[in-house]
N, C-alpha and C. Protein backbone atom coordinates (compact mmCIF):
# COMPACT_ATOMS: atom_id res chain seq x y z
N MET A 1 46.87 134.22 51.12
CA MET A 1 46.37 134.19 52.46
C MET A 1 46.25 132.76 52.97
N ILE A 2 45.87 131.86 52.07
CA ILE A 2 45.74 130.46 52.46
C ILE A 2 47.09 129.89 52.85
N ALA A 3 48.14 130.28 52.14
CA ALA A 3 49.48 129.79 52.47
C ALA A 3 49.92 130.26 53.85
N VAL A 4 49.62 131.50 54.19
CA VAL A 4 49.99 132.04 55.51
C VAL A 4 49.23 131.30 56.60
N LEU A 5 47.95 131.07 56.39
CA LEU A 5 47.16 130.31 57.37
C LEU A 5 47.69 128.89 57.51
N GLY A 6 48.04 128.28 56.39
CA GLY A 6 48.61 126.93 56.44
C GLY A 6 49.92 126.90 57.20
N LEU A 7 50.75 127.92 57.01
CA LEU A 7 52.01 128.01 57.74
C LEU A 7 51.77 128.14 59.24
N ILE A 8 50.83 129.00 59.62
CA ILE A 8 50.52 129.19 61.03
C ILE A 8 49.97 127.90 61.65
N VAL A 9 49.05 127.24 60.95
CA VAL A 9 48.50 125.98 61.45
C VAL A 9 49.60 124.93 61.57
N GLY A 10 50.49 124.86 60.58
CA GLY A 10 51.59 123.90 60.63
C GLY A 10 52.52 124.13 61.80
N VAL A 11 52.84 125.38 62.07
CA VAL A 11 53.73 125.70 63.20
C VAL A 11 53.05 125.33 64.52
N VAL A 12 51.78 125.67 64.65
CA VAL A 12 51.05 125.36 65.89
C VAL A 12 50.96 123.85 66.09
N VAL A 13 50.61 123.13 65.05
CA VAL A 13 50.53 121.67 65.16
C VAL A 13 51.89 121.08 65.50
N GLY A 14 52.95 121.58 64.90
CA GLY A 14 54.29 121.11 65.21
C GLY A 14 54.69 121.35 66.64
N LEU A 15 54.29 122.50 67.18
CA LEU A 15 54.61 122.80 68.58
C LEU A 15 53.79 121.96 69.55
N VAL A 16 52.56 121.67 69.20
CA VAL A 16 51.68 120.89 70.08
C VAL A 16 52.03 119.40 70.02
N VAL A 17 52.18 118.87 68.83
CA VAL A 17 52.40 117.44 68.65
C VAL A 17 53.83 117.03 69.00
N ARG A 18 54.79 117.91 68.77
CA ARG A 18 56.21 117.63 69.01
C ARG A 18 56.67 116.35 68.28
N PRO A 19 56.71 116.40 66.95
CA PRO A 19 57.10 115.19 66.22
C PRO A 19 58.55 114.82 66.50
N VAL A 20 58.82 113.53 66.48
CA VAL A 20 60.17 113.02 66.73
C VAL A 20 60.73 112.51 65.41
N VAL A 21 61.92 112.98 65.06
CA VAL A 21 62.58 112.54 63.84
C VAL A 21 63.35 111.26 64.16
N PRO A 22 63.11 110.18 63.42
CA PRO A 22 63.85 108.95 63.68
C PRO A 22 65.36 109.17 63.49
N THR A 23 66.14 108.52 64.31
CA THR A 23 67.59 108.72 64.25
C THR A 23 68.18 108.28 62.92
N ALA A 24 67.51 107.37 62.23
CA ALA A 24 68.03 106.90 60.94
C ALA A 24 67.99 107.99 59.87
N VAL A 25 67.07 108.92 59.99
CA VAL A 25 66.96 109.97 58.96
C VAL A 25 67.47 111.33 59.44
N GLU A 26 67.94 111.42 60.67
CA GLU A 26 68.44 112.70 61.18
C GLU A 26 69.53 113.33 60.33
N PRO A 27 70.50 112.55 59.82
CA PRO A 27 71.56 113.20 59.02
C PRO A 27 71.06 113.80 57.71
N TYR A 28 69.91 113.33 57.22
CA TYR A 28 69.41 113.78 55.92
C TYR A 28 68.43 114.93 56.04
N LEU A 29 67.91 115.20 57.22
CA LEU A 29 66.91 116.25 57.40
C LEU A 29 67.43 117.64 57.05
N PRO A 30 68.61 118.05 57.53
CA PRO A 30 69.09 119.39 57.14
C PRO A 30 69.29 119.54 55.64
N ILE A 31 69.78 118.49 55.00
CA ILE A 31 69.98 118.54 53.55
C ILE A 31 68.62 118.65 52.85
N ALA A 32 67.64 117.93 53.32
CA ALA A 32 66.30 118.00 52.73
C ALA A 32 65.70 119.39 52.89
N VAL A 33 65.94 120.01 54.04
CA VAL A 33 65.41 121.37 54.27
C VAL A 33 66.07 122.37 53.32
N VAL A 34 67.38 122.27 53.14
CA VAL A 34 68.07 123.17 52.22
C VAL A 34 67.58 122.94 50.79
N ALA A 35 67.37 121.69 50.41
CA ALA A 35 66.86 121.39 49.07
C ALA A 35 65.45 121.94 48.90
N ALA A 36 64.63 121.85 49.94
CA ALA A 36 63.28 122.41 49.87
C ALA A 36 63.32 123.93 49.75
N LEU A 37 64.23 124.57 50.49
CA LEU A 37 64.38 126.03 50.38
C LEU A 37 64.79 126.44 48.97
N ASP A 38 65.65 125.64 48.34
CA ASP A 38 66.04 125.92 46.97
C ASP A 38 64.82 125.91 46.05
N ALA A 39 63.97 124.92 46.22
CA ALA A 39 62.77 124.84 45.39
C ALA A 39 61.83 126.01 45.67
N VAL A 40 61.69 126.41 46.93
CA VAL A 40 60.81 127.53 47.27
C VAL A 40 61.32 128.83 46.66
N PHE A 41 62.62 129.09 46.79
CA PHE A 41 63.18 130.31 46.19
C PHE A 41 63.08 130.27 44.67
N GLY A 42 63.28 129.10 44.09
CA GLY A 42 63.10 128.97 42.64
C GLY A 42 61.66 129.22 42.22
N GLY A 43 60.71 128.74 43.01
CA GLY A 43 59.31 128.98 42.71
C GLY A 43 58.92 130.44 42.85
N LEU A 44 59.47 131.09 43.87
CA LEU A 44 59.20 132.52 44.05
C LEU A 44 59.77 133.33 42.88
N ARG A 45 60.97 132.96 42.47
CA ARG A 45 61.58 133.65 41.32
C ARG A 45 60.74 133.43 40.06
N ALA A 46 60.30 132.20 39.84
CA ALA A 46 59.47 131.92 38.67
C ALA A 46 58.16 132.69 38.72
N MET A 47 57.58 132.81 39.91
CA MET A 47 56.34 133.57 40.04
C MET A 47 56.56 135.04 39.68
N LEU A 48 57.66 135.61 40.17
CA LEU A 48 57.95 137.01 39.86
C LEU A 48 58.27 137.21 38.38
N ASP A 49 58.85 136.18 37.74
CA ASP A 49 59.15 136.26 36.31
C ASP A 49 57.92 135.96 35.45
N GLY A 50 56.85 135.51 36.10
CA GLY A 50 55.62 135.23 35.36
C GLY A 50 55.60 133.89 34.67
N ILE A 51 56.45 132.96 35.08
CA ILE A 51 56.51 131.65 34.42
C ILE A 51 56.26 130.52 35.42
N PHE A 52 55.62 130.82 36.54
CA PHE A 52 55.39 129.81 37.57
C PHE A 52 54.37 128.78 37.09
N ASP A 53 54.68 127.52 37.35
CA ASP A 53 53.76 126.42 37.06
C ASP A 53 53.73 125.53 38.29
N ASP A 54 52.54 125.31 38.83
CA ASP A 54 52.45 124.57 40.08
C ASP A 54 52.93 123.13 39.95
N LYS A 55 52.71 122.50 38.82
CA LYS A 55 53.18 121.13 38.62
C LYS A 55 54.70 121.07 38.62
N VAL A 56 55.31 122.01 37.93
CA VAL A 56 56.77 122.07 37.90
C VAL A 56 57.32 122.32 39.30
N PHE A 57 56.65 123.18 40.06
CA PHE A 57 57.10 123.47 41.42
C PHE A 57 57.05 122.22 42.30
N VAL A 58 55.96 121.50 42.25
CA VAL A 58 55.82 120.30 43.09
C VAL A 58 56.85 119.25 42.70
N VAL A 59 57.04 119.03 41.41
CA VAL A 59 58.03 118.06 40.96
C VAL A 59 59.44 118.51 41.35
N SER A 60 59.73 119.79 41.20
CA SER A 60 61.04 120.32 41.58
C SER A 60 61.26 120.18 43.07
N PHE A 61 60.25 120.50 43.87
CA PHE A 61 60.35 120.42 45.32
C PHE A 61 60.66 118.98 45.75
N LEU A 62 59.87 118.05 45.29
CA LEU A 62 60.05 116.65 45.69
C LEU A 62 61.35 116.07 45.16
N SER A 63 61.66 116.35 43.90
CA SER A 63 62.88 115.77 43.33
C SER A 63 64.13 116.37 43.97
N ASN A 64 64.13 117.65 44.29
CA ASN A 64 65.28 118.25 44.99
C ASN A 64 65.53 117.57 46.32
N VAL A 65 64.47 117.37 47.08
CA VAL A 65 64.61 116.75 48.40
C VAL A 65 65.10 115.32 48.27
N VAL A 66 64.49 114.56 47.37
CA VAL A 66 64.86 113.14 47.22
C VAL A 66 66.28 112.99 46.70
N VAL A 67 66.64 113.76 45.69
CA VAL A 67 67.99 113.63 45.10
C VAL A 67 69.06 114.07 46.10
N ALA A 68 68.83 115.16 46.81
CA ALA A 68 69.82 115.62 47.79
C ALA A 68 69.99 114.58 48.90
N ALA A 69 68.89 114.05 49.42
CA ALA A 69 68.98 113.03 50.47
C ALA A 69 69.64 111.76 49.94
N LEU A 70 69.35 111.40 48.71
CA LEU A 70 69.95 110.20 48.12
C LEU A 70 71.46 110.36 47.94
N ILE A 71 71.90 111.53 47.52
CA ILE A 71 73.34 111.78 47.38
C ILE A 71 74.04 111.65 48.71
N VAL A 72 73.46 112.22 49.75
CA VAL A 72 74.07 112.13 51.08
C VAL A 72 74.03 110.69 51.60
N PHE A 73 72.93 109.98 51.34
CA PHE A 73 72.82 108.58 51.76
C PHE A 73 73.91 107.74 51.09
N LEU A 74 74.07 107.92 49.79
CA LEU A 74 75.11 107.17 49.08
C LEU A 74 76.50 107.55 49.58
N GLY A 75 76.69 108.82 49.89
CA GLY A 75 77.97 109.25 50.46
C GLY A 75 78.23 108.61 51.80
N ASP A 76 77.19 108.46 52.62
CA ASP A 76 77.35 107.77 53.90
C ASP A 76 77.75 106.32 53.69
N LYS A 77 77.13 105.67 52.74
CA LYS A 77 77.45 104.27 52.46
C LYS A 77 78.87 104.11 51.92
N LEU A 78 79.36 105.11 51.20
CA LEU A 78 80.72 105.05 50.65
C LEU A 78 81.76 105.59 51.62
N GLY A 79 81.31 106.14 52.73
CA GLY A 79 82.24 106.65 53.73
C GLY A 79 82.68 108.09 53.50
N VAL A 80 81.99 108.79 52.61
CA VAL A 80 82.32 110.19 52.33
C VAL A 80 81.09 111.07 52.51
N GLY A 81 80.25 110.71 53.48
CA GLY A 81 78.99 111.44 53.69
C GLY A 81 79.18 112.90 54.03
N ALA A 82 80.17 113.20 54.87
CA ALA A 82 80.39 114.59 55.27
C ALA A 82 80.81 115.45 54.08
N GLN A 83 81.68 114.90 53.23
CA GLN A 83 82.13 115.66 52.07
C GLN A 83 80.99 115.89 51.08
N LEU A 84 80.18 114.85 50.86
CA LEU A 84 79.06 115.03 49.93
C LEU A 84 77.99 115.94 50.52
N SER A 85 77.78 115.88 51.84
CA SER A 85 76.84 116.80 52.47
C SER A 85 77.28 118.24 52.26
N THR A 86 78.57 118.48 52.46
CA THR A 86 79.10 119.82 52.24
C THR A 86 78.93 120.24 50.79
N GLY A 87 79.20 119.34 49.87
CA GLY A 87 79.04 119.65 48.45
C GLY A 87 77.61 119.98 48.09
N VAL A 88 76.67 119.20 48.61
CA VAL A 88 75.25 119.45 48.33
C VAL A 88 74.82 120.80 48.90
N VAL A 89 75.24 121.10 50.12
CA VAL A 89 74.87 122.38 50.74
C VAL A 89 75.48 123.54 49.95
N VAL A 90 76.71 123.40 49.49
CA VAL A 90 77.34 124.48 48.72
C VAL A 90 76.60 124.70 47.41
N VAL A 91 76.30 123.63 46.69
CA VAL A 91 75.61 123.77 45.40
C VAL A 91 74.22 124.37 45.59
N LEU A 92 73.48 123.84 46.55
CA LEU A 92 72.14 124.37 46.79
C LEU A 92 72.20 125.80 47.33
N GLY A 93 73.21 126.09 48.15
CA GLY A 93 73.38 127.46 48.65
C GLY A 93 73.64 128.44 47.52
N ILE A 94 74.45 128.04 46.56
CA ILE A 94 74.71 128.91 45.41
C ILE A 94 73.42 129.17 44.64
N ARG A 95 72.63 128.11 44.45
CA ARG A 95 71.34 128.27 43.75
C ARG A 95 70.39 129.17 44.53
N ILE A 96 70.35 129.00 45.86
CA ILE A 96 69.47 129.83 46.69
C ILE A 96 69.87 131.29 46.60
N PHE A 97 71.18 131.57 46.72
CA PHE A 97 71.62 132.97 46.64
C PHE A 97 71.43 133.55 45.25
N SER A 98 71.58 132.73 44.22
CA SER A 98 71.33 133.20 42.86
C SER A 98 69.86 133.57 42.68
N ASN A 99 68.97 132.72 43.18
CA ASN A 99 67.54 133.03 43.11
C ASN A 99 67.19 134.24 43.96
N ALA A 100 67.80 134.35 45.14
CA ALA A 100 67.54 135.51 46.01
C ALA A 100 68.00 136.79 45.33
N ALA A 101 69.13 136.75 44.64
CA ALA A 101 69.61 137.94 43.92
C ALA A 101 68.64 138.32 42.80
N ALA A 102 68.13 137.32 42.08
CA ALA A 102 67.17 137.60 41.01
C ALA A 102 65.87 138.17 41.58
N ILE A 103 65.44 137.65 42.72
CA ILE A 103 64.24 138.17 43.37
C ILE A 103 64.46 139.61 43.81
N ARG A 104 65.62 139.87 44.40
CA ARG A 104 65.95 141.24 44.83
C ARG A 104 65.95 142.20 43.63
N ARG A 105 66.60 141.77 42.54
CA ARG A 105 66.63 142.62 41.34
C ARG A 105 65.23 142.89 40.80
N HIS A 106 64.39 141.86 40.87
CA HIS A 106 63.03 142.03 40.35
C HIS A 106 62.23 142.98 41.25
N ILE A 107 62.34 142.83 42.55
CA ILE A 107 61.56 143.64 43.49
C ILE A 107 62.02 145.10 43.49
N PHE A 108 63.35 145.29 43.56
CA PHE A 108 63.89 146.65 43.67
C PHE A 108 64.30 147.26 42.33
N ARG A 109 64.08 146.52 41.25
CA ARG A 109 64.43 146.99 39.91
C ARG A 109 65.89 147.43 39.83
N ALA A 110 66.76 146.68 40.51
CA ALA A 110 68.18 147.03 40.51
C ALA A 110 69.02 145.85 40.11
């Protein structure tokens, strides 16, 4: 219940404050969001499997976001940012769908 309230408060604050993303980090924001979603789905899967650890989740969440953004940043510096962005999204997408399938199997016993 606390998480739902936190989500509602976060959405309301975001709509009222209207934060501005600096142009220097705009290319990395979508990659960071996908990396964060990967960690969230992984945490949900771990919770359903009964092996969830909050410390592991926080470290996974932060490291996924930082590593994904760093890969895209290095790709931009090397002139292959678009290709590495696509690669990161594909890899994280595969992980997200794999976790979603495991969650579905756990919930529906199928």
